[in-house]
N, C-alpha and C. Protein backbone atom coordinates (compact mmCIF):
# COMPACT_ATOMS: atom_id res chain seq x y z
N MET A 1 108.42 174.90 16.49
CA MET A 1 108.86 175.98 17.68
C MET A 1 107.18 175.87 18.34
N LEU A 2 106.34 174.87 17.63
CA LEU A 2 105.13 176.31 18.30
C LEU A 2 104.66 175.38 19.32
N VAL A 3 104.82 174.73 18.37
CA VAL A 3 104.43 172.82 19.16
C VAL A 3 104.67 172.69 20.47
N ARG A 4 105.87 173.19 20.14
CA ARG A 4 106.36 172.46 21.72
C ARG A 4 106.32 173.55 22.50
N GLU A 5 105.36 174.64 22.26
CA GLU A 5 105.27 175.75 22.80
C GLU A 5 104.37 175.81 23.42
N ILE A 6 103.49 174.60 22.47
CA ILE A 6 101.67 174.17 23.15
C ILE A 6 102.01 173.58 23.70
N TYR A 7 102.70 172.37 23.70
CA TYR A 7 103.31 170.83 24.80
C TYR A 7 103.89 171.38 26.20
N LEU A 8 104.71 172.50 26.36
CA LEU A 8 104.36 173.37 27.82
C LEU A 8 104.10 174.22 28.41
N ILE A 9 103.20 174.66 27.62
CA ILE A 9 102.12 175.49 28.23
C ILE A 9 101.01 174.26 28.50
N SER A 10 100.33 173.25 27.77
CA SER A 10 99.68 172.07 27.73
C SER A 10 100.01 171.17 29.87
N LEU A 11 102.03 171.22 29.58
CA LEU A 11 101.90 170.78 30.91
C LEU A 11 102.19 171.41 32.14
N CYS A 12 102.99 172.55 31.35
CA CYS A 12 102.42 173.47 33.05
C CYS A 12 100.96 173.56 33.79
N ILE A 13 99.70 173.34 32.40
CA ILE A 13 98.81 173.82 33.40
C ILE A 13 98.23 172.89 33.99
N ILE A 14 98.61 171.67 33.57
CA ILE A 14 98.17 170.50 33.85
C ILE A 14 98.94 169.75 35.03
N GLU A 15 99.98 170.80 35.54
CA GLU A 15 100.67 170.44 36.51
C GLU A 15 100.13 171.02 37.40
N LYS A 16 100.04 172.10 37.17
CA LYS A 16 99.08 172.87 38.12
C LYS A 16 97.92 173.05 39.00
N SER A 17 97.31 171.89 37.76
CA SER A 17 94.99 171.71 37.56
C SER A 17 96.01 170.47 38.94
N LEU A 18 96.88 169.02 38.76
CA LEU A 18 97.46 168.48 39.36
C LEU A 18 98.13 169.01 40.52
N ALA A 19 98.28 170.04 41.17
CA ALA A 19 98.96 170.48 42.27
C ALA A 19 97.54 170.89 43.37
N TYR A 20 97.17 172.01 42.01
CA TYR A 20 95.91 171.85 43.31
C TYR A 20 94.49 171.19 43.16
N TYR A 21 94.59 169.57 42.88
CA TYR A 21 93.92 168.88 43.31
C TYR A 21 94.40 168.33 44.69
N ILE A 22 95.56 168.17 44.13
CA ILE A 22 96.61 167.56 45.31
C ILE A 22 95.97 168.01 46.78
N LEU A 23 96.30 169.83 46.70
CA LEU A 23 96.19 170.53 47.61
C LEU A 23 94.79 171.00 47.40
N ASN A 24 94.29 170.30 47.33
CA ASN A 24 92.45 170.37 47.89
C ASN A 24 92.70 170.90 49.45
N MET A 25 92.10 172.03 49.59
CA MET A 25 92.39 172.56 50.52
C MET A 25 91.49 171.81 51.78
N ASP A 26 89.99 171.34 51.71
CA ASP A 26 89.70 170.59 52.30
C ASP A 26 90.26 169.22 52.74
N ASP A 27 91.83 168.97 51.98
CA ASP A 27 92.57 167.82 52.13
C ASP A 27 93.89 167.96 53.01
N ILE A 28 93.66 169.38 53.53
CA ILE A 28 94.74 169.62 53.82
C ILE A 28 94.13 170.16 56.06
N THR A 29 95.39 169.71 57.03
CA THR A 29 94.60 169.57 58.25
C THR A 29 95.66 169.79 59.31
N ILE A 30 95.31 170.72 60.01
CA ILE A 30 96.23 171.21 61.09
C ILE A 30 96.00 170.44 62.38
N ARG A 31 97.46 170.24 62.72
CA ARG A 31 97.54 169.95 63.78
C ARG A 31 98.57 170.63 64.65
N PRO A 32 99.27 169.80 65.86
CA PRO A 32 99.62 170.52 66.97
C PRO A 32 100.63 168.89 66.63
N ALA A 33 102.17 170.31 65.84
CA ALA A 33 103.39 169.42 66.55
C ALA A 33 103.87 167.98 67.15
N ASN A 34 103.88 167.36 66.86
CA ASN A 34 104.90 166.91 68.05
C ASN A 34 107.12 166.04 67.73
N ALA A 35 106.86 165.81 69.43
CA ALA A 35 108.76 164.16 68.80
C ALA A 35 108.71 164.18 67.51
N HIS A 36 107.36 163.14 67.24
CA HIS A 36 107.71 162.68 65.63
C HIS A 36 107.57 163.32 64.82
N ASP A 37 107.64 164.55 64.61
CA ASP A 37 107.91 165.58 63.82
C ASP A 37 108.84 165.94 63.92
N LEU A 38 110.39 166.06 64.38
CA LEU A 38 110.90 166.60 64.70
C LEU A 38 111.81 166.47 63.10
N VAL A 39 112.41 165.40 62.81
CA VAL A 39 113.17 165.49 62.17
C VAL A 39 112.69 165.79 60.88
N THR A 40 111.24 166.13 60.70
CA THR A 40 110.72 167.14 58.90
C THR A 40 110.72 168.04 59.74
N LEU A 41 110.16 168.83 60.39
CA LEU A 41 110.76 170.40 60.88
C LEU A 41 111.85 170.75 60.98
N ASN A 42 112.72 170.49 61.55
CA ASN A 42 114.19 170.66 62.26
C ASN A 42 114.87 170.68 60.46
N GLN A 43 114.22 169.94 59.18
CA GLN A 43 115.40 169.91 58.60
C GLN A 43 114.17 171.46 57.72
N MET A 44 112.85 171.38 57.56
CA MET A 44 112.41 172.59 57.16
C MET A 44 112.67 174.05 57.90
N MET A 45 113.23 173.90 59.05
CA MET A 45 113.65 174.98 59.81
C MET A 45 114.97 175.86 59.45
N PHE A 46 115.58 174.44 59.08
CA PHE A 46 117.25 175.40 58.23
C PHE A 46 117.03 175.56 57.13
N ASP A 47 115.72 174.67 56.08
CA ASP A 47 114.83 175.50 55.33
C ASP A 47 115.52 176.90 54.73
N LEU A 48 114.70 177.13 55.26
CA LEU A 48 113.90 178.76 56.06
C LEU A 48 115.73 179.84 56.30
N HIS A 49 115.80 178.80 56.74
CA HIS A 49 117.44 180.22 57.58
C HIS A 49 118.01 179.51 56.56
N ASP A 50 118.17 178.95 55.31
CA ASP A 50 118.75 178.70 54.63
C ASP A 50 117.86 179.65 53.56
N GLU A 51 116.94 179.54 53.37
CA GLU A 51 117.17 180.75 52.22
C GLU A 51 117.01 182.59 52.66
N HIS A 52 116.74 182.55 54.37
CA HIS A 52 117.01 183.75 54.48
C HIS A 52 118.83 184.04 54.66
N HIS A 53 119.60 182.80 54.51
CA HIS A 53 121.24 183.55 54.48
C HIS A 53 121.37 184.08 52.81
N HIS A 54 120.86 182.98 52.44
CA HIS A 54 121.55 182.59 50.31
C HIS A 54 119.92 184.87 49.53
N GLN A 55 119.36 185.43 50.41
CA GLN A 55 119.05 186.30 50.52
C GLN A 55 119.63 188.47 50.66
N CYS A 56 119.97 187.21 51.87
CA CYS A 56 120.49 188.58 52.72
C CYS A 56 122.75 188.08 52.92
N PRO A 57 122.68 187.66 53.12
CA PRO A 57 124.36 186.76 53.52
C PRO A 57 125.05 187.90 54.30
N GLU A 58 124.80 188.79 54.39
CA GLU A 58 126.13 190.10 54.88
C GLU A 58 124.59 189.68 56.49
N TYR A 59 123.41 190.11 56.07
CA TYR A 59 123.20 189.70 57.62
C TYR A 59 122.51 188.58 58.79
N PHE A 60 122.32 187.61 57.94
CA PHE A 60 121.51 186.20 58.33
C PHE A 60 123.04 185.15 57.66
N LYS A 61 123.38 184.55 59.58
CA LYS A 61 124.02 183.65 59.67
C LYS A 61 124.07 182.50 58.42
N SER A 62 124.90 181.19 58.61
CA SER A 62 124.47 180.37 57.83
C SER A 62 123.82 179.49 58.53
N ALA A 63 122.32 178.75 57.66
CA ALA A 63 122.18 177.35 58.99
C ALA A 63 122.72 176.95 58.86
N SER A 64 123.25 176.77 59.03
CA SER A 64 124.26 174.93 59.44
C SER A 64 124.45 175.85 61.41
N ASP A 65 125.04 177.57 60.78
CA ASP A 65 125.34 177.57 62.27
C ASP A 65 123.93 178.63 63.35
N ILE A 66 123.27 178.12 62.54
CA ILE A 66 122.02 178.97 63.02
C ILE A 66 121.02 176.93 64.10
N GLU A 67 121.28 176.09 62.85
CA GLU A 67 120.97 174.65 63.97
C GLU A 67 121.19 174.86 65.15
N GLU A 68 122.42 174.69 65.06
CA GLU A 68 123.22 174.69 66.21
C GLU A 68 122.93 175.65 67.61
N ILE A 69 121.91 176.10 66.90
CA ILE A 69 121.17 177.12 68.33
C ILE A 69 119.42 177.18 68.13
N LYS A 70 119.66 177.16 67.10
CA LYS A 70 117.59 176.93 67.35
C LYS A 70 117.37 176.09 66.52
N SER A 71 116.07 175.66 68.01
CA SER A 71 115.75 174.51 67.57
C SER A 71 113.86 174.00 67.33
N ILE A 72 113.61 173.62 66.38
CA ILE A 72 112.09 173.50 67.00
C ILE A 72 111.20 172.72 67.95
N ALA A 73 112.36 171.67 68.91
CA ALA A 73 112.31 171.51 69.87
C ALA A 73 112.25 172.26 70.92
N ARG A 74 112.52 172.77 70.98
CA ARG A 74 112.49 173.95 72.32
C ARG A 74 111.23 174.80 72.47
N TYR A 75 111.09 175.43 71.49
CA TYR A 75 109.19 174.87 71.17
C TYR A 75 107.59 174.26 71.51
N LEU A 76 109.03 173.19 71.69
CA LEU A 76 107.33 171.97 71.66
C LEU A 76 107.40 171.63 73.47
N ASP A 77 108.59 171.90 73.98
CA ASP A 77 108.88 171.90 75.36
C ASP A 77 108.64 173.10 76.37
N ASP A 78 108.20 174.83 76.03
CA ASP A 78 107.95 175.62 76.19
C ASP A 78 106.04 176.10 76.18
N PRO A 79 106.48 175.92 77.47
CA PRO A 79 103.80 176.57 77.68
C PRO A 79 103.86 177.62 76.74
N GLU A 80 105.00 178.30 76.67
CA GLU A 80 104.47 180.04 76.17
C GLU A 80 104.41 179.43 74.19
N CYS A 81 105.17 178.50 74.37
CA CYS A 81 105.18 178.51 71.93
C CYS A 81 103.95 177.45 71.71
N LEU A 82 103.96 177.68 70.48
CA LEU A 82 103.37 176.77 69.91
C LEU A 82 103.16 176.39 68.19
N VAL A 83 103.23 175.06 67.63
CA VAL A 83 104.04 174.78 66.59
C VAL A 83 103.24 173.79 65.96
N PHE A 84 102.64 174.45 65.28
CA PHE A 84 101.44 173.70 64.14
C PHE A 84 102.29 173.18 62.71
N VAL A 85 102.06 172.18 62.31
CA VAL A 85 101.85 171.76 61.00
C VAL A 85 100.59 171.49 60.03
N ALA A 86 100.73 171.36 59.35
CA ALA A 86 99.87 171.32 58.11
C ALA A 86 100.74 170.06 57.46
N CYS A 87 99.67 169.61 57.27
CA CYS A 87 99.86 168.42 56.72
C CYS A 87 98.53 167.40 55.28
N HIS A 88 99.13 167.01 54.40
CA HIS A 88 98.39 166.51 53.48
C HIS A 88 98.59 164.96 53.15
N SER A 89 97.18 163.88 53.74
CA SER A 89 97.80 162.67 54.20
C SER A 89 99.11 162.35 55.11
N ASP A 90 100.10 162.05 55.23
CA ASP A 90 100.30 162.03 56.36
C ASP A 90 102.01 163.04 55.95
N LYS A 91 101.77 163.97 54.66
CA LYS A 91 103.25 164.26 54.65
C LYS A 91 102.67 166.13 55.28
N ILE A 92 104.47 166.60 55.52
CA ILE A 92 104.10 167.58 56.47
C ILE A 92 104.15 168.50 55.29
N LEU A 93 103.90 169.36 55.09
CA LEU A 93 103.65 170.83 53.66
C LEU A 93 104.51 172.36 54.68
N GLY A 94 104.21 171.88 56.19
CA GLY A 94 104.56 173.47 56.08
C GLY A 94 104.52 173.65 58.26
N PHE A 95 104.62 174.83 58.19
CA PHE A 95 105.24 174.83 60.01
C PHE A 95 105.13 175.89 59.76
N VAL A 96 104.35 176.48 61.58
CA VAL A 96 104.71 178.32 61.76
C VAL A 96 104.39 177.97 63.35
N THR A 97 105.40 178.99 63.84
CA THR A 97 105.76 178.49 65.18
C THR A 97 104.84 179.90 65.47
N GLY A 98 104.89 179.40 67.05
CA GLY A 98 104.74 180.72 67.79
C GLY A 98 104.73 181.47 69.65
N HIS A 99 104.80 182.43 69.87
CA HIS A 99 104.41 182.02 71.27
C HIS A 99 103.29 183.27 71.30
N PHE A 100 103.00 183.01 72.35
CA PHE A 100 102.17 184.33 73.15
C PHE A 100 102.82 184.87 74.90
N CYS A 101 102.64 185.99 75.50
CA CYS A 101 102.95 186.84 76.74
C CYS A 101 102.07 188.34 77.13
N GLU A 102 102.43 188.40 77.62
CA GLU A 102 101.81 190.29 78.17
C GLU A 102 102.68 191.03 77.60
N LEU A 103 103.60 191.94 76.55
CA LEU A 103 104.11 192.85 76.43
C LEU A 103 103.86 193.75 77.00
N ILE A 104 105.29 193.97 77.45
CA ILE A 104 104.92 194.74 78.91
C ILE A 104 107.20 195.95 78.44
N SER A 105 106.31 197.04 78.50
CA SER A 105 107.71 198.18 77.74
C SER A 105 107.08 199.73 78.78
N SER A 106 108.05 200.34 78.40
CA SER A 106 108.32 201.82 79.06
C SER A 106 107.88 202.57 78.93
N VAL A 107 107.48 202.35 77.92
CA VAL A 107 106.83 203.30 77.28
C VAL A 107 104.72 203.50 76.38
N SER A 108 104.91 202.03 76.90
CA SER A 108 103.20 202.28 75.81
C SER A 108 102.66 200.41 76.88
N LYS A 109 101.55 200.98 76.90
CA LYS A 109 100.89 199.82 78.54
C LYS A 109 100.64 198.68 77.54
N PRO A 110 100.69 198.12 78.75
CA PRO A 110 100.77 196.99 78.52
C PRO A 110 99.71 195.77 77.67
N VAL A 111 99.99 194.85 77.12
CA VAL A 111 99.24 193.84 75.61
C VAL A 111 99.60 192.75 76.01
N GLN A 112 98.18 191.37 75.97
CA GLN A 112 98.38 190.39 76.09
C GLN A 112 98.73 190.31 73.99
N MET A 113 99.83 189.68 73.89
CA MET A 113 99.97 189.83 72.74
C MET A 113 100.32 188.00 72.83
N GLY A 114 100.36 188.68 71.02
CA GLY A 114 100.97 186.75 70.32
C GLY A 114 102.29 187.38 68.84
N SER A 115 102.85 186.63 69.62
CA SER A 115 104.30 186.72 67.92
C SER A 115 104.42 185.24 67.16
N ILE A 116 103.84 185.47 66.09
CA ILE A 116 104.68 184.27 64.77
C ILE A 116 105.88 184.71 64.73
N ASP A 117 106.27 183.93 64.79
CA ASP A 117 108.08 183.40 65.16
C ASP A 117 108.76 183.29 63.70
N GLU A 118 108.27 182.31 62.89
CA GLU A 118 108.81 181.24 61.88
C GLU A 118 107.34 180.94 61.35
N LEU A 119 107.10 181.48 59.71
CA LEU A 119 106.51 180.56 58.89
C LEU A 119 106.76 179.50 58.04
N PHE A 120 106.59 178.69 57.12
CA PHE A 120 107.51 177.95 56.47
C PHE A 120 106.62 176.85 55.77
N ILE A 121 106.98 176.89 54.03
CA ILE A 121 105.59 175.23 54.03
C ILE A 121 106.49 175.08 52.57
N GLU A 122 106.60 173.97 52.17
CA GLU A 122 107.63 173.94 50.57
C GLU A 122 107.49 174.58 49.92
N GLN A 123 108.64 174.90 48.75
CA GLN A 123 107.99 174.89 47.55
C GLN A 123 106.58 174.56 47.28
N GLU A 124 107.03 173.16 46.58
CA GLU A 124 105.68 172.94 45.99
C GLU A 124 104.62 173.29 46.28
N SER A 125 104.51 173.83 47.40
CA SER A 125 102.75 173.61 48.71
C SER A 125 102.87 175.53 48.59
N ARG A 126 103.83 175.76 47.64
CA ARG A 126 102.96 177.79 47.98
C ARG A 126 102.32 178.41 47.26
N ARG A 127 101.28 178.89 47.63
CA ARG A 127 100.74 179.38 46.48
C ARG A 127 99.70 178.98 47.06
N PHE A 128 99.34 177.83 47.50
CA PHE A 128 97.62 176.89 47.41
C PHE A 128 97.34 177.29 49.17
N GLY A 129 97.42 178.49 49.49
CA GLY A 129 97.32 178.77 50.80
C GLY A 129 96.72 177.87 52.03
N VAL A 130 98.19 177.08 52.00
CA VAL A 130 98.45 176.87 52.99
C VAL A 130 99.70 177.99 54.37
N ALA A 131 99.69 178.83 53.93
CA ALA A 131 100.44 179.05 55.02
C ALA A 131 99.10 180.41 55.25
N ARG A 132 98.33 181.16 54.99
CA ARG A 132 96.98 180.75 55.08
C ARG A 132 96.35 180.69 56.45
N LYS A 133 96.52 179.48 56.40
CA LYS A 133 95.41 178.51 57.71
C LYS A 133 96.11 177.89 58.26
N LEU A 134 97.80 177.89 57.84
CA LEU A 134 98.81 177.67 59.15
C LEU A 134 98.54 178.82 60.07
N CYS A 135 97.97 180.13 59.19
CA CYS A 135 98.35 181.62 60.85
C CYS A 135 96.57 181.77 60.70
N MET A 136 96.11 180.92 60.50
CA MET A 136 94.01 181.74 61.76
C MET A 136 93.82 180.62 62.15
N HIS A 137 94.85 179.50 61.61
CA HIS A 137 94.64 178.25 62.49
C HIS A 137 95.98 178.98 64.11
N LEU A 138 97.29 179.53 63.95
CA LEU A 138 97.66 179.96 65.11
C LEU A 138 96.81 181.13 65.65
N GLU A 139 96.12 182.17 64.84
CA GLU A 139 95.24 183.27 65.67
C GLU A 139 94.49 182.59 66.01
N GLN A 140 93.80 181.97 66.03
CA GLN A 140 92.33 180.69 66.49
C GLN A 140 92.99 180.95 67.87
N THR A 141 93.54 180.45 67.50
CA THR A 141 94.61 179.38 69.10
C THR A 141 94.57 180.63 69.97
N PHE A 142 95.25 181.51 69.89
CA PHE A 142 95.96 182.99 70.30
C PHE A 142 94.64 183.93 70.57
N LEU A 143 94.11 184.16 69.89
CA LEU A 143 92.52 184.23 70.92
C LEU A 143 92.02 183.79 71.53
N ASP A 144 92.27 182.30 71.42
CA ASP A 144 91.21 181.49 72.18
C ASP A 144 92.35 181.40 74.48
N TYR A 145 93.45 181.96 73.87
CA TYR A 145 94.89 181.96 75.05
C TYR A 145 94.47 183.69 75.49
N GLY A 146 93.40 184.79 75.06
CA GLY A 146 93.00 185.59 75.22
C GLY A 146 94.17 186.79 75.12
N VAL A 147 94.97 186.44 74.00
CA VAL A 147 96.00 187.49 73.12
C VAL A 147 95.00 188.32 72.29
N ILE A 148 95.16 189.75 72.05
CA ILE A 148 94.64 190.69 71.02
C ILE A 148 95.15 191.17 70.23
N GLU A 149 96.58 191.04 70.18
CA GLU A 149 97.35 192.07 69.30
C GLU A 149 98.08 190.76 68.61
N VAL A 150 99.13 190.53 66.50
CA VAL A 150 99.76 189.49 67.12
C VAL A 150 100.59 190.22 66.41
N PHE A 151 101.60 190.09 66.47
CA PHE A 151 103.39 190.61 65.82
C PHE A 151 103.48 190.02 65.52
N VAL A 152 104.00 190.15 64.07
CA VAL A 152 105.39 189.27 63.06
C VAL A 152 106.13 189.94 62.71
N GLU A 153 107.86 189.94 62.72
CA GLU A 153 108.82 190.64 62.06
C GLU A 153 109.52 190.32 60.14
N VAL A 154 109.14 190.58 60.00
CA VAL A 154 109.49 190.18 58.20
C VAL A 154 110.63 190.97 58.10
N TRP A 155 111.54 190.99 57.12
CA TRP A 155 112.50 191.80 57.13
C TRP A 155 112.72 191.92 55.33
N ASP A 156 112.04 193.46 54.69
CA ASP A 156 112.32 194.51 53.93
C ASP A 156 112.81 193.74 52.64
N PHE A 157 113.57 192.67 52.18
CA PHE A 157 113.88 192.07 51.44
C PHE A 157 113.18 190.85 50.84
N ASN A 158 112.09 190.49 51.96
CA ASN A 158 111.02 189.38 51.45
C ASN A 158 110.29 189.58 51.69
N LYS A 159 109.79 190.29 50.17
CA LYS A 159 108.70 190.88 49.73
C LYS A 159 107.73 189.96 49.58
N ASN A 160 107.55 188.37 49.32
CA ASN A 160 106.05 188.12 49.24
C ASN A 160 105.79 187.96 50.56
N ALA A 161 107.35 187.16 51.14
CA ALA A 161 106.01 187.84 52.93
C ALA A 161 105.59 188.81 53.68
N LEU A 162 105.97 190.31 52.55
CA LEU A 162 105.82 191.18 53.50
C LEU A 162 104.24 191.06 52.74
N GLY A 163 104.09 190.45 51.46
CA GLY A 163 102.65 190.62 50.62
C GLY A 163 101.68 190.06 51.28
N PHE A 164 102.77 188.65 51.25
CA PHE A 164 101.33 187.43 52.13
C PHE A 164 100.93 188.82 53.60
N TYR A 165 101.15 188.98 54.63
CA TYR A 165 100.99 189.43 55.87
C TYR A 165 100.52 190.18 55.70
N THR A 166 100.01 191.85 54.37
CA THR A 166 99.61 192.67 54.85
C THR A 166 98.71 192.45 53.91
N LYS A 167 98.36 191.81 53.27
CA LYS A 167 96.86 190.69 52.88
C LYS A 167 95.87 189.91 53.56
N SER A 168 96.40 189.40 54.71
CA SER A 168 96.05 188.93 56.28
C SER A 168 96.14 189.76 57.05
N GLY A 169 95.89 191.35 56.61
CA GLY A 169 95.59 192.10 57.81
C GLY A 169 96.98 192.41 59.02
N PHE A 170 97.71 192.52 58.24
CA PHE A 170 99.20 193.36 58.92
C PHE A 170 99.04 194.76 58.85
N SER A 171 99.44 195.34 59.17
CA SER A 171 100.02 196.94 59.17
C SER A 171 101.32 197.40 60.21
N ASN A 172 101.81 198.15 59.51
CA ASN A 172 103.53 198.15 60.16
C ASN A 172 102.72 199.01 61.07
N HIS A 173 103.70 198.80 62.08
CA HIS A 173 103.96 199.17 63.99
C HIS A 173 105.17 199.15 64.31
N ILE A 174 105.58 199.65 63.99
CA ILE A 174 107.50 200.09 64.15
C ILE A 174 107.91 200.32 63.03
N HIS A 175 108.50 201.17 62.11
CA HIS A 175 109.98 201.38 61.85
C HIS A 175 110.79 201.06 62.34
N TRP A 176 111.51 200.17 62.04
CA TRP A 176 113.40 199.87 62.15
C TRP A 176 114.02 200.31 61.61
N LEU A 177 114.28 200.90 61.24
CA LEU A 177 115.75 201.46 60.56
C LEU A 177 117.26 200.93 60.39
N ARG A 178 118.03 201.16 60.02
CA ARG A 178 119.45 200.47 59.77
C ARG A 178 120.34 201.51 58.92
N LYS A 179 121.59 202.08 58.90
CA LYS A 179 121.84 202.86 58.62
C LYS A 179 123.12 201.67 58.48
N LYS A 180 124.81 201.88 57.40
CA LYS A 180 124.96 201.34 57.77
C LYS A 180 126.56 202.61 58.32
N LEU A 181 127.28 202.58 59.33
CA LEU A 181 128.22 204.19 59.38
C LEU A 181 129.95 203.15 58.57
N VAL A 182 129.87 204.31 57.90
CA VAL A 182 131.27 204.01 57.78
C VAL A 182 132.51 204.96 57.97
N SER A 183 133.85 204.74 58.51
CA SER A 183 134.52 205.56 58.94
C SER A 183 134.95 207.15 57.82
N ASN A 184 135.84 207.95 58.19
CA ASN A 184 136.66 208.94 57.67
C ASN A 184 137.74 208.64 57.43
């Protein structure tokens, strides 16, 4: 039994070492997405919405329902939207989408803002800094366009995303609370 446990631990260490070798950050490139990426990006978008649906099915539509409405192609066609992909060789590891505009509100002052709309990294590529690299690239592009603040919505159940964004310097902006009403 002990030999088997040592063997499994050794395999785990070797697997993590190989993954790190494969995902050396210097080997990961960030580039704008294009129409040739759509098949892969649409699958990743499906996987993102599928994860949300499984985490919170009472509030999230199924990924099949969402894919009918929401497409990466719309982001590619909109001049105020950005889509970047992280690649290792020719393989897309993840993507980020965002948009920029002037935030105009009846109560707050106008501000040039950017929004991170979707961020998805393939399961086997997570925890290697791919998301950080994508977001840093998006933030730099926002700065180039004159954006001074970036916003992101994260559902409370998504603790990994909350931790990532907090570690990336985001802080609470609005507390948007929810309460289910029950008839008497």
